[in-house]
């Protein structure tokens, strides 16, 4: 009798669970951006959230939680209820650089978070305020060597991809600058444009409008090849700095124990969102390439990027704390 009762209870729970998955989502979904507004993570996240809302049939609300090179916001995602109503925007900073170089981050990028999809990749850039007396990359390096520790560089935060780029650039060029971290690329760009900080390591989307307006001078890009929009600007690989030539990418992650049914539904909706012509056009306008790979493929990408960053950290003796 007891066994029969337990079987019935199990059947009811299974049916209830199935209905819950089938009805997901039945309320707004939160997408945490672990950086301040107006940076690349924020820009591409809002493009994605707009179309994802339509695919899910529920509003996707973007919430910015900057600080710690993305670790504060990503920790909030990792510690959220695994019910599909809190998503996070993952990046090279939060899933590779920070975990590889900063022993103090409060989450484990492999065990506390589950990948859904990598939805875009973007070039990274080295740019300067036009007042910096260097017309190109060669002159910039010469300027730094003649003036050690005189110049500083702004990034989206400590232990982020911009910080890693700056450290790798200095190691490769034999130069020294002070690092000025911000809570996101948005405020970093504002201060470099305003002249408070002369140098910027950033992702292209958050800098692009200022570069195009002539308020930032683009010196080099981290990309597989020169960008069509800036054909005269060399890649770091061309300049003999292959370690610095690492593009950025962005994806969606959820708390690790989120049910597979929900992850699968989020993945399907995300792929539709990425492949929507309007989304692809908006991403292209930012210099971003749409992707939309599977959770398994994204997990492999994260592992490859982390291993690469960890090897660089060990080789160069870099600690980004």
Protein backbone atom coordinates (compact mmCIF):
# COMPACT_ATOMS: atom_id res chain seq x y z
CA UNK A 1 0.00 0.00 0.00
CA UNK A 2 2.80 2.39 0.95
CA UNK A 3 4.69 1.48 -2.20
CA UNK A 4 1.63 2.20 -4.32
CA UNK A 5 1.20 5.57 -2.61
CA UNK A 6 4.85 6.50 -3.25
CA UNK A 7 4.55 5.53 -6.89
CA UNK A 8 1.47 7.74 -7.24
CA UNK A 9 3.24 10.65 -5.55
CA UNK A 10 6.23 10.21 -7.85
CA UNK A 11 3.98 10.19 -10.89
CA UNK A 12 2.22 13.36 -9.77
CA UNK A 13 5.55 15.11 -9.13
CA UNK A 14 6.85 14.07 -12.53
CA UNK A 15 3.70 15.36 -14.21
CA UNK A 16 3.89 18.61 -12.25
CA UNK A 17 7.56 19.01 -13.15
CA UNK A 18 6.80 18.39 -16.81
CA UNK A 19 4.05 21.00 -16.78
CA UNK A 20 6.40 23.49 -15.10
CA UNK A 21 9.02 22.95 -17.81
CA UNK A 22 6.39 23.18 -20.53
CA UNK A 23 5.08 26.48 -19.15
CA UNK A 24 8.53 28.02 -18.68
CA UNK A 25 8.85 30.95 -18.68
CA UNK A 26 5.64 32.26 -17.10
CA UNK A 27 7.14 35.49 -15.74
CA UNK A 28 9.89 37.97 -16.71
CA UNK A 29 13.46 36.67 -16.98
CA UNK A 30 16.44 38.59 -15.58
CA UNK A 31 19.68 38.84 -17.58
CA UNK A 32 22.60 39.97 -15.41
CA UNK A 33 25.31 41.97 -17.18
CA UNK A 34 28.38 41.87 -14.91
CA UNK A 35 29.64 45.27 -16.07
CA UNK A 36 28.42 48.87 -16.05
CA UNK A 37 26.06 50.23 -18.74
CA UNK A 38 27.34 51.36 -22.16
CA UNK A 39 30.17 48.82 -22.35
CA UNK A 40 30.34 46.08 -24.97
CA UNK A 41 28.86 43.43 -22.66
CA UNK A 42 25.91 45.73 -22.03
CA UNK A 43 25.52 46.67 -25.69
CA UNK A 44 25.44 43.12 -27.07
CA UNK A 45 23.37 41.87 -24.11
CA UNK A 46 20.62 44.40 -24.80
CA UNK A 47 20.58 43.50 -28.48
CA UNK A 48 20.21 39.85 -27.51
CA UNK A 49 17.67 40.49 -24.74
CA UNK A 50 15.38 42.40 -27.07
CA UNK A 51 14.94 39.48 -29.47
CA UNK A 52 15.12 36.83 -26.74
CA UNK A 53 12.07 38.44 -25.11
CA UNK A 54 10.13 37.85 -28.30
CA UNK A 55 11.29 34.24 -28.62
CA UNK A 56 10.48 33.38 -24.98
CA UNK A 57 7.22 35.30 -24.86
CA UNK A 58 8.34 37.04 -21.67
CA UNK A 59 10.25 40.25 -21.01
CA UNK A 60 13.99 39.76 -20.52
CA UNK A 61 15.12 42.46 -18.09
CA UNK A 62 18.76 43.53 -18.26
CA UNK A 63 20.33 44.22 -14.87
CA UNK A 64 23.85 45.69 -14.60
CA UNK A 65 26.03 44.55 -11.69
CA UNK A 66 29.54 45.82 -12.33
CA UNK A 67 32.76 45.41 -10.39
CA UNK A 68 35.60 42.98 -9.88
CA UNK A 69 36.27 42.47 -13.57
CA UNK A 70 32.81 40.93 -13.88
CA UNK A 71 33.14 38.63 -10.88
CA UNK A 72 30.50 40.36 -8.73
CA UNK A 73 27.75 39.99 -11.31
CA UNK A 74 28.76 36.48 -12.30
CA UNK A 75 28.81 35.39 -8.67
CA UNK A 76 25.24 36.69 -8.37
CA UNK A 77 24.25 34.46 -11.30
CA UNK A 78 26.02 31.43 -9.82
CA UNK A 79 24.22 31.86 -6.48
CA UNK A 80 20.76 32.46 -7.99
CA UNK A 81 17.95 29.91 -7.94
CA UNK A 82 18.47 27.38 -10.78
CA UNK A 83 15.02 27.94 -12.25
CA UNK A 84 15.80 29.67 -15.54
CA UNK A 85 14.69 33.10 -14.36
CA UNK A 86 18.21 34.44 -13.78
CA UNK A 87 20.64 34.35 -16.69
CA UNK A 88 24.12 35.82 -16.96
CA UNK A 89 26.20 37.23 -19.80
CA UNK A 90 29.48 35.33 -19.78
CA UNK A 91 32.64 36.70 -21.35
CA UNK A 92 36.33 35.94 -21.71
CA UNK A 93 36.82 38.12 -18.62
CA UNK A 94 34.41 36.20 -16.39
CA UNK A 95 34.99 32.67 -17.68
CA UNK A 96 38.72 32.66 -18.52
CA UNK A 97 40.86 35.66 -17.53
CA UNK A 98 39.46 36.26 -14.05
CA UNK A 99 39.40 32.57 -13.01
CA UNK A 100 42.89 32.00 -14.46
CA UNK A 101 44.55 35.06 -12.93
CA UNK A 102 42.63 35.88 -9.77
CA UNK A 103 42.49 33.31 -6.97
CA UNK A 104 40.00 35.43 -5.05
CA UNK A 105 36.97 35.20 -7.32
CA UNK A 106 33.99 33.82 -5.38
CA UNK A 107 32.64 31.39 -8.01
CA UNK A 108 33.94 28.41 -9.95
CA UNK A 109 33.50 28.99 -13.67
CA UNK A 110 33.22 25.24 -14.36
CA UNK A 111 31.11 23.90 -11.48
CA UNK A 112 28.87 26.84 -10.52
CA UNK A 113 27.68 27.85 -14.00
CA UNK A 114 26.15 25.99 -16.95
CA UNK A 115 26.69 27.24 -20.53
CA UNK A 116 23.70 27.85 -22.81
CA UNK A 117 25.24 29.39 -25.94
CA UNK A 118 28.00 31.69 -27.14
CA UNK A 119 26.06 34.25 -29.14
CA UNK A 120 28.71 36.60 -30.52
CA UNK A 121 32.41 37.44 -30.81
CA UNK A 122 34.01 40.88 -31.21
CA UNK A 123 37.48 42.31 -31.88
CA UNK A 124 39.45 44.00 -29.09
CA UNK A 125 41.24 47.29 -29.56
CA UNK A 126 44.07 49.50 -28.35
CA UNK A 127 43.09 53.15 -28.65
CA UNK A 128 44.38 56.45 -27.29
CA UNK A 129 43.11 59.95 -26.70
CA UNK A 130 44.06 62.09 -29.75
CA UNK A 131 46.21 64.28 -27.48
CA UNK A 132 48.70 61.41 -27.13
CA UNK A 133 51.64 62.37 -29.39
CA UNK A 134 51.75 59.14 -31.39
CA UNK A 135 50.17 58.74 -34.82
CA UNK A 136 50.51 54.96 -35.00
CA UNK A 137 51.45 51.85 -33.02
CA UNK A 138 55.19 52.15 -33.62
CA UNK A 139 55.30 55.74 -32.43
CA UNK A 140 53.18 54.80 -29.41
CA UNK A 141 55.63 52.11 -28.27
CA UNK A 142 58.54 54.50 -28.77
CA UNK A 143 56.72 57.12 -26.71
CA UNK A 144 56.15 54.71 -23.84
CA UNK A 145 59.78 53.56 -23.84
CA UNK A 146 60.99 57.14 -23.65
CA UNK A 147 58.54 57.88 -20.82
CA UNK A 148 58.35 54.82 -18.54
CA UNK A 149 55.42 54.88 -16.10
CA UNK A 150 54.27 58.29 -17.34
CA UNK A 151 51.16 56.95 -19.07
CA UNK A 152 48.20 54.94 -17.73
CA UNK A 153 45.61 52.71 -19.38
CA UNK A 154 41.90 52.30 -18.65
CA UNK A 155 39.99 49.00 -18.79
CA UNK A 156 36.59 47.57 -17.86
CA UNK A 157 38.01 46.31 -14.56
CA UNK A 158 40.68 44.41 -12.68
CA UNK A 159 41.26 40.88 -14.02
CA UNK A 160 39.17 41.53 -17.12
CA UNK A 161 40.22 40.91 -20.70
CA UNK A 162 41.30 44.55 -21.12
CA UNK A 163 43.56 44.28 -18.08
CA UNK A 164 45.08 41.08 -19.48
CA UNK A 165 45.61 42.79 -22.85
CA UNK A 166 47.40 45.66 -21.15
CA UNK A 167 49.69 43.35 -19.18
CA UNK A 168 50.49 41.24 -22.24
CA UNK A 169 51.11 44.34 -24.35
CA UNK A 170 53.56 45.73 -21.80
CA UNK A 171 55.35 42.39 -21.54
CA UNK A 172 55.64 42.08 -25.32
CA UNK A 173 56.69 45.68 -25.92
CA UNK A 174 58.96 46.15 -22.90
CA UNK A 175 56.97 49.14 -21.66
CA UNK A 176 55.35 50.19 -18.37
CA UNK A 177 52.02 51.89 -17.70
CA UNK A 178 49.74 52.13 -14.67
CA UNK A 179 46.42 50.28 -14.80
CA UNK A 180 43.23 52.28 -14.07
CA UNK A 181 40.31 49.84 -13.62
CA UNK A 182 36.64 50.81 -14.00
CA UNK A 183 33.37 48.98 -13.35
CA UNK A 184 32.84 48.57 -17.06
CA UNK A 185 34.00 49.75 -20.46
CA UNK A 186 31.38 52.52 -20.62
CA UNK A 187 32.91 54.70 -17.88
CA UNK A 188 36.43 53.78 -19.03
CA UNK A 189 35.71 55.05 -22.55
CA UNK A 190 34.20 58.27 -21.17
CA UNK A 191 37.34 59.06 -19.19
CA UNK A 192 39.73 58.29 -22.05
CA UNK A 193 37.70 60.46 -24.41
CA UNK A 194 37.70 63.17 -21.74
CA UNK A 195 41.47 62.96 -21.34
CA UNK A 196 41.51 61.79 -17.72
CA UNK A 197 43.29 58.60 -18.85
CA UNK A 198 45.28 58.57 -22.12
CA UNK A 199 45.16 54.89 -23.18
CA UNK A 200 42.35 52.33 -23.53
CA UNK A 201 42.25 48.55 -23.96
CA UNK A 202 38.68 47.65 -24.85
CA UNK A 203 36.25 45.67 -26.99
CA UNK A 204 35.34 47.33 -30.27
CA UNK A 205 31.56 47.90 -29.80
CA UNK A 206 31.90 50.12 -26.73
CA UNK A 207 34.64 52.20 -28.42
CA UNK A 208 33.47 52.18 -32.02
CA UNK A 209 31.33 55.33 -32.04
CA UNK A 210 34.13 57.35 -30.42
CA UNK A 211 36.71 55.94 -32.82
CA UNK A 212 34.50 56.76 -35.79
CA UNK A 213 33.93 60.27 -34.43
CA UNK A 214 37.67 60.87 -34.14
CA UNK A 215 37.56 61.13 -30.36
CA UNK A 216 39.75 58.05 -29.99
CA UNK A 217 42.72 57.09 -32.16
CA UNK A 218 42.77 53.37 -33.01
CA UNK A 219 46.30 51.91 -33.01
CA UNK A 220 45.83 48.12 -33.17
CA UNK A 221 43.12 45.45 -33.14
CA UNK A 222 42.92 41.94 -31.72
CA UNK A 223 41.24 40.00 -34.51
CA UNK A 224 42.02 37.18 -36.97
CA UNK A 225 42.57 39.75 -39.73
CA UNK A 226 42.37 43.48 -40.31
CA UNK A 227 38.89 44.92 -39.97
CA UNK A 228 37.14 46.12 -43.12
CA UNK A 229 36.08 49.30 -41.34
CA UNK A 230 39.72 50.11 -40.42
CA UNK A 231 41.91 48.63 -43.17
CA UNK A 232 44.98 50.67 -42.20
CA UNK A 233 45.02 49.47 -38.59
CA UNK A 234 47.19 46.37 -38.02
CA UNK A 235 46.35 43.36 -35.89
CA UNK A 236 48.52 42.54 -32.88
CA UNK A 237 49.66 39.38 -34.68
CA UNK A 238 51.02 41.49 -37.53
CA UNK A 239 52.90 43.51 -34.93
CA UNK A 240 54.55 40.41 -33.49
CA UNK A 241 52.28 40.19 -30.43
CA UNK A 242 50.28 37.00 -30.97
CA UNK A 243 49.48 36.68 -27.23
CA UNK A 244 47.62 40.00 -27.34
CA UNK A 245 45.65 39.10 -30.48
CA UNK A 246 42.72 37.51 -28.64
CA UNK A 247 39.18 38.57 -29.66
CA UNK A 248 36.37 38.70 -27.10
CA UNK A 249 33.19 36.64 -27.01
CA UNK A 250 29.91 36.72 -25.14
CA UNK A 251 27.44 34.03 -24.21
CA UNK A 252 24.61 33.11 -21.89
CA UNK A 253 25.07 31.01 -18.75
CA UNK A 254 22.75 29.89 -15.94
CA UNK A 255 23.26 28.48 -12.43
CA UNK A 256 24.78 24.98 -12.64
CA UNK A 257 21.78 23.02 -11.36
CA UNK A 258 19.30 24.50 -13.83
CA UNK A 259 17.22 21.59 -15.29
CA UNK A 260 18.25 20.45 -18.75
CA UNK A 261 14.74 21.04 -20.08
CA UNK A 262 15.04 24.72 -19.26
CA UNK A 263 18.59 24.97 -20.62
CA UNK A 264 17.41 23.36 -23.86
CA UNK A 265 14.51 25.81 -24.13
CA UNK A 266 16.81 28.77 -23.50
CA UNK A 267 19.27 27.44 -26.07
CA UNK A 268 16.57 27.03 -28.74
CA UNK A 269 15.23 30.54 -28.08
CA UNK A 270 18.74 32.02 -28.09
CA UNK A 271 19.63 30.45 -31.43
CA UNK A 272 16.44 31.83 -32.96
CA UNK A 273 17.26 35.23 -31.51
CA UNK A 274 20.82 35.19 -32.86
CA UNK A 275 19.67 34.10 -36.31
CA UNK A 276 16.97 36.74 -36.53
CA UNK A 277 17.96 39.12 -39.39
CA UNK A 278 17.36 42.21 -37.26
CA UNK A 279 19.60 40.86 -34.47
CA UNK A 280 22.35 39.92 -36.90
CA UNK A 281 22.22 43.38 -38.45
CA UNK A 282 22.41 45.10 -35.05
CA UNK A 283 25.38 42.97 -34.04
CA UNK A 284 27.12 43.62 -37.37
CA UNK A 285 26.71 47.38 -36.83
CA UNK A 286 28.75 46.94 -33.64
CA UNK A 287 31.48 44.96 -35.39
CA UNK A 288 30.23 41.76 -33.75
CA UNK A 289 29.82 38.36 -35.42
CA UNK A 290 26.77 36.23 -34.50
CA UNK A 291 27.44 32.62 -33.41
CA UNK A 292 24.81 30.63 -31.49
CA UNK A 293 26.64 27.36 -30.75
CA UNK A 294 25.40 24.50 -28.56
CA UNK A 295 25.88 24.26 -24.77
CA UNK A 296 28.43 21.48 -25.31
CA UNK A 297 30.35 23.52 -27.88
CA UNK A 298 30.27 26.58 -25.63
CA UNK A 299 31.59 24.53 -22.71
CA UNK A 300 34.53 23.42 -24.87
CA UNK A 301 35.20 27.03 -25.93
CA UNK A 302 35.28 28.11 -22.29
CA UNK A 303 37.74 25.34 -21.40
CA UNK A 304 40.02 26.20 -24.34
CA UNK A 305 40.01 29.90 -23.47
CA UNK A 306 40.63 29.23 -19.78
CA UNK A 307 43.53 26.85 -20.51
CA UNK A 308 45.07 29.42 -22.84
CA UNK A 309 44.78 32.21 -20.27
CA UNK A 310 46.07 29.98 -17.47
CA UNK A 311 49.13 29.06 -19.54
CA UNK A 312 49.82 32.74 -20.22
CA UNK A 313 49.39 33.62 -16.54
CA UNK A 314 51.87 30.94 -15.49
CA UNK A 315 54.35 31.75 -18.26
CA UNK A 316 54.28 35.52 -17.68
CA UNK A 317 53.85 35.34 -13.91
CA UNK A 318 50.75 37.56 -14.11
CA UNK A 319 48.52 38.10 -11.06
CA UNK A 320 45.49 40.26 -11.71
CA UNK A 321 44.10 40.69 -8.20
